[in-house]
Amino acid sequence: MTNRLKVKKGDKVIVISGRDKGKSGEVLSVIKKSDRILVRGVNIVKRHTAPSQTSQGGIIDKEISIHISNIAHIDPKDNKATRVGYKFLEDGRKVRFSKRSEDLID
C-alpha cells in the first residue's frame, strides 16, 4: 500500500490498462485504504436492484472502483498521460505538477 496518493477528487485521469483502456474521466472519490478510485464513466457494470420506497428498481448502470495503478493523470497542456511530481513555490506552498510539461496541476 502506498503512503501518499497523488490523485485527488476532481482530477482528470485516463485509464492506461484494463478493459476501459483509453477512456478518461473525472475522479469522483478516492479510497485510500485499498488504493482504489472511482472515475466517472469508467468501469461501468450493471446491477440488478430490488424496488424500494425511494427507487423503482430494475437494472441500473453503476461505476465501480478501479485500482490506482491502472490510471494516469492527464497533462493539462496536451491531454496525454503524465506522471505527477511535487515542488515548492517561492511562497512556500507545496504543489503538484505535470512532469511531461512542467505545468501545475493544483
C-alpha atoms as a PDB file:
ATOM      1  CA  MET A   1       0.000   0.000   0.000  1.00  0.00           C
ATOM      2  CA  THR A   2       1.325   3.432  -0.885  1.00  0.00           C
ATOM      3  CA  ASN A   3       1.723   6.105   1.742  1.00  0.00           C
ATOM      4  CA  ARG A   4       0.883   9.067  -0.465  1.00  0.00           C
ATOM      5  CA  LEU A   5      -1.644   9.049  -3.274  1.00  0.00           C
ATOM      6  CA  LYS A   6      -1.065  11.671  -5.938  1.00  0.00           C
ATOM      7  CA  VAL A   7      -4.708  11.627  -7.028  1.00  0.00           C
ATOM      8  CA  LYS A   8      -7.408  13.875  -5.577  1.00  0.00           C
ATOM      9  CA  LYS A   9     -11.136  14.225  -6.077  1.00  0.00           C
ATOM     10  CA  GLY A  10     -11.833  16.280  -9.198  1.00  0.00           C
ATOM     11  CA  ASP A  11      -8.623  15.367 -11.077  1.00  0.00           C
ATOM     12  CA  LYS A  12      -8.788  14.430 -14.750  1.00  0.00           C
ATOM     13  CA  VAL A  13      -7.358  10.943 -15.317  1.00  0.00           C
ATOM     14  CA  ILE A  14      -7.013   8.414 -18.146  1.00  0.00           C
ATOM     15  CA  VAL A  15      -7.134   4.622 -17.881  1.00  0.00           C
ATOM     16  CA  ILE A  16      -3.847   3.049 -19.023  1.00  0.00           C
ATOM     17  CA  SER A  17      -4.707  -0.654 -18.642  1.00  0.00           C
ATOM     18  CA  GLY A  18      -7.704  -2.944 -18.408  1.00  0.00           C
ATOM     19  CA  ARG A  19     -10.896  -3.266 -20.408  1.00  0.00           C
ATOM     20  CA  ASP A  20     -11.544   0.505 -20.320  1.00  0.00           C
ATOM     21  CA  LYS A  21      -8.054   1.416 -21.579  1.00  0.00           C
ATOM     22  CA  GLY A  22      -8.046   4.832 -23.245  1.00  0.00           C
ATOM     23  CA  LYS A  23     -11.157   6.160 -21.503  1.00  0.00           C
ATOM     24  CA  SER A  24     -10.837   9.293 -19.414  1.00  0.00           C
ATOM     25  CA  GLY A  25     -12.919  10.906 -16.736  1.00  0.00           C
ATOM     26  CA  GLU A  26     -13.039  12.845 -13.506  1.00  0.00           C
ATOM     27  CA  VAL A  27     -12.184  11.306 -10.141  1.00  0.00           C
ATOM     28  CA  LEU A  28     -15.365  11.064  -8.041  1.00  0.00           C
ATOM     29  CA  SER A  29     -13.788   9.630  -4.884  1.00  0.00           C
ATOM     30  CA  VAL A  30     -10.537   8.176  -3.563  1.00  0.00           C
ATOM     31  CA  ILE A  31     -10.471   5.079  -1.343  1.00  0.00           C
ATOM     32  CA  LYS A  32      -7.080   5.330   0.395  1.00  0.00           C
ATOM     33  CA  LYS A  33      -7.380   2.125   2.392  1.00  0.00           C
ATOM     34  CA  SER A  34      -7.446  -0.113  -0.691  1.00  0.00           C
ATOM     35  CA  ASP A  35      -5.625   2.193  -3.189  1.00  0.00           C
ATOM     36  CA  ARG A  36      -8.688   2.446  -5.441  1.00  0.00           C
ATOM     37  CA  ILE A  37     -10.508   5.352  -7.068  1.00  0.00           C
ATOM     38  CA  LEU A  38     -13.923   5.922  -8.588  1.00  0.00           C
ATOM     39  CA  VAL A  39     -13.854   7.569 -12.033  1.00  0.00           C
ATOM     40  CA  ARG A  40     -16.913   8.971 -13.831  1.00  0.00           C
ATOM     41  CA  GLY A  41     -17.800   6.922 -16.923  1.00  0.00           C
ATOM     42  CA  VAL A  42     -15.149   4.234 -16.356  1.00  0.00           C
ATOM     43  CA  ASN A  43     -15.567   0.592 -15.250  1.00  0.00           C
ATOM     44  CA  ILE A  44     -19.358   0.600 -15.601  1.00  0.00           C
ATOM     45  CA  VAL A  45     -21.270  -2.528 -14.583  1.00  0.00           C
ATOM     46  CA  LYS A  46     -24.946  -3.456 -14.478  1.00  0.00           C
ATOM     47  CA  ARG A  47     -26.583  -4.010 -11.091  1.00  0.00           C
ATOM     48  CA  HIS A  48     -29.958  -5.632 -10.527  1.00  0.00           C
ATOM     49  CA  THR A  49     -31.737  -3.769  -7.732  1.00  0.00           C
ATOM     50  CA  ALA A  50     -34.939  -4.540  -5.940  1.00  0.00           C
ATOM     51  CA  PRO A  51     -37.583  -1.813  -5.699  1.00  0.00           C
ATOM     52  CA  SER A  52     -37.677   0.227  -2.518  1.00  0.00           C
ATOM     53  CA  GLN A  53     -39.569   3.255  -1.269  1.00  0.00           C
ATOM     54  CA  THR A  54     -37.046   5.631  -2.836  1.00  0.00           C
ATOM     55  CA  SER A  55     -36.158   3.840  -6.095  1.00  0.00           C
ATOM     56  CA  GLN A  56     -38.093   1.937  -8.702  1.00  0.00           C
ATOM     57  CA  GLY A  57     -35.607  -0.932  -9.022  1.00  0.00           C
ATOM     58  CA  GLY A  58     -34.538  -2.794 -12.136  1.00  0.00           C
ATOM     59  CA  ILE A  59     -31.209  -2.892 -13.932  1.00  0.00           C
ATOM     60  CA  ILE A  60     -29.018   0.165 -13.357  1.00  0.00           C
ATOM     61  CA  ASP A  61     -25.581   1.103 -14.700  1.00  0.00           C
ATOM     62  CA  LYS A  62     -23.080   1.948 -11.990  1.00  0.00           C
ATOM     63  CA  GLU A  63     -19.384   2.846 -11.804  1.00  0.00           C
ATOM     64  CA  ILE A  64     -17.213   0.654  -9.610  1.00  0.00           C
ATOM     65  CA  SER A  65     -13.733   1.425  -8.339  1.00  0.00           C
ATOM     66  CA  ILE A  66     -10.535   0.859 -10.302  1.00  0.00           C
ATOM     67  CA  HIS A  67      -7.048   0.327  -8.879  1.00  0.00           C
ATOM     68  CA  ILE A  68      -4.807   3.376  -8.753  1.00  0.00           C
ATOM     69  CA  SER A  69      -2.062   1.637 -10.755  1.00  0.00           C
ATOM     70  CA  ASN A  70      -4.362   1.461 -13.793  1.00  0.00           C
ATOM     71  CA  ILE A  71      -4.767   5.222 -14.195  1.00  0.00           C
ATOM     72  CA  ALA A  72      -2.575   8.219 -15.042  1.00  0.00           C
ATOM     73  CA  HIS A  73      -3.121  11.953 -14.766  1.00  0.00           C
ATOM     74  CA  ILE A  74      -3.983  13.894 -17.900  1.00  0.00           C
ATOM     75  CA  ASP A  75      -1.499  16.613 -18.800  1.00  0.00           C
ATOM     76  CA  PRO A  76      -3.335  19.978 -18.836  1.00  0.00           C
ATOM     77  CA  LYS A  77      -1.361  21.135 -21.882  1.00  0.00           C
ATOM     78  CA  ASP A  78      -1.740  18.294 -24.413  1.00  0.00           C
ATOM     79  CA  ASN A  79      -4.296  15.876 -22.853  1.00  0.00           C
ATOM     80  CA  LYS A  80      -1.900  12.911 -22.719  1.00  0.00           C
ATOM     81  CA  ALA A  81      -0.936  10.690 -19.789  1.00  0.00           C
ATOM     82  CA  THR A  82       1.694  12.130 -17.459  1.00  0.00           C
ATOM     83  CA  ARG A  83       3.396  11.477 -14.165  1.00  0.00           C
ATOM     84  CA  VAL A  84       2.986  13.794 -11.212  1.00  0.00           C
ATOM     85  CA  GLY A  85       5.666  15.414  -9.084  1.00  0.00           C
ATOM     86  CA  TYR A  86       5.756  17.804  -6.163  1.00  0.00           C
ATOM     87  CA  LYS A  87       7.610  21.080  -5.850  1.00  0.00           C
ATOM     88  CA  PHE A  88       7.627  24.093  -3.571  1.00  0.00           C
ATOM     89  CA  LEU A  89       6.765  27.553  -4.877  1.00  0.00           C
ATOM     90  CA  GLU A  90       8.527  30.753  -3.817  1.00  0.00           C
ATOM     91  CA  ASP A  91       5.785  31.487  -1.264  1.00  0.00           C
ATOM     92  CA  GLY A  92       6.363  28.097   0.405  1.00  0.00           C
ATOM     93  CA  ARG A  93       3.324  26.220  -0.948  1.00  0.00           C
ATOM     94  CA  LYS A  94       3.741  22.581  -1.965  1.00  0.00           C
ATOM     95  CA  VAL A  95       2.016  21.949  -5.304  1.00  0.00           C
ATOM     96  CA  ARG A  96       1.636  19.093  -7.783  1.00  0.00           C
ATOM     97  CA  PHE A  97       2.970  19.491 -11.310  1.00  0.00           C
ATOM     98  CA  SER A  98       2.952  17.537 -14.551  1.00  0.00           C
ATOM     99  CA  LYS A  99       6.348  16.005 -15.290  1.00  0.00           C
ATOM    100  CA  ARG A 100       5.537  15.998 -19.016  1.00  0.00           C
ATOM    101  CA  SER A 101       5.011  19.732 -19.473  1.00  0.00           C
ATOM    102  CA  GLU A 102       6.017  21.163 -16.056  1.00  0.00           C
ATOM    103  CA  ASP A 103       2.540  22.770 -15.725  1.00  0.00           C
ATOM    104  CA  LEU A 104       0.885  22.995 -12.300  1.00  0.00           C
ATOM    105  CA  ILE A 105      -1.991  20.632 -11.611  1.00  0.00           C
ATOM    106  CA  ASP A 106      -3.244  22.307  -8.421  1.00  0.00           C
END
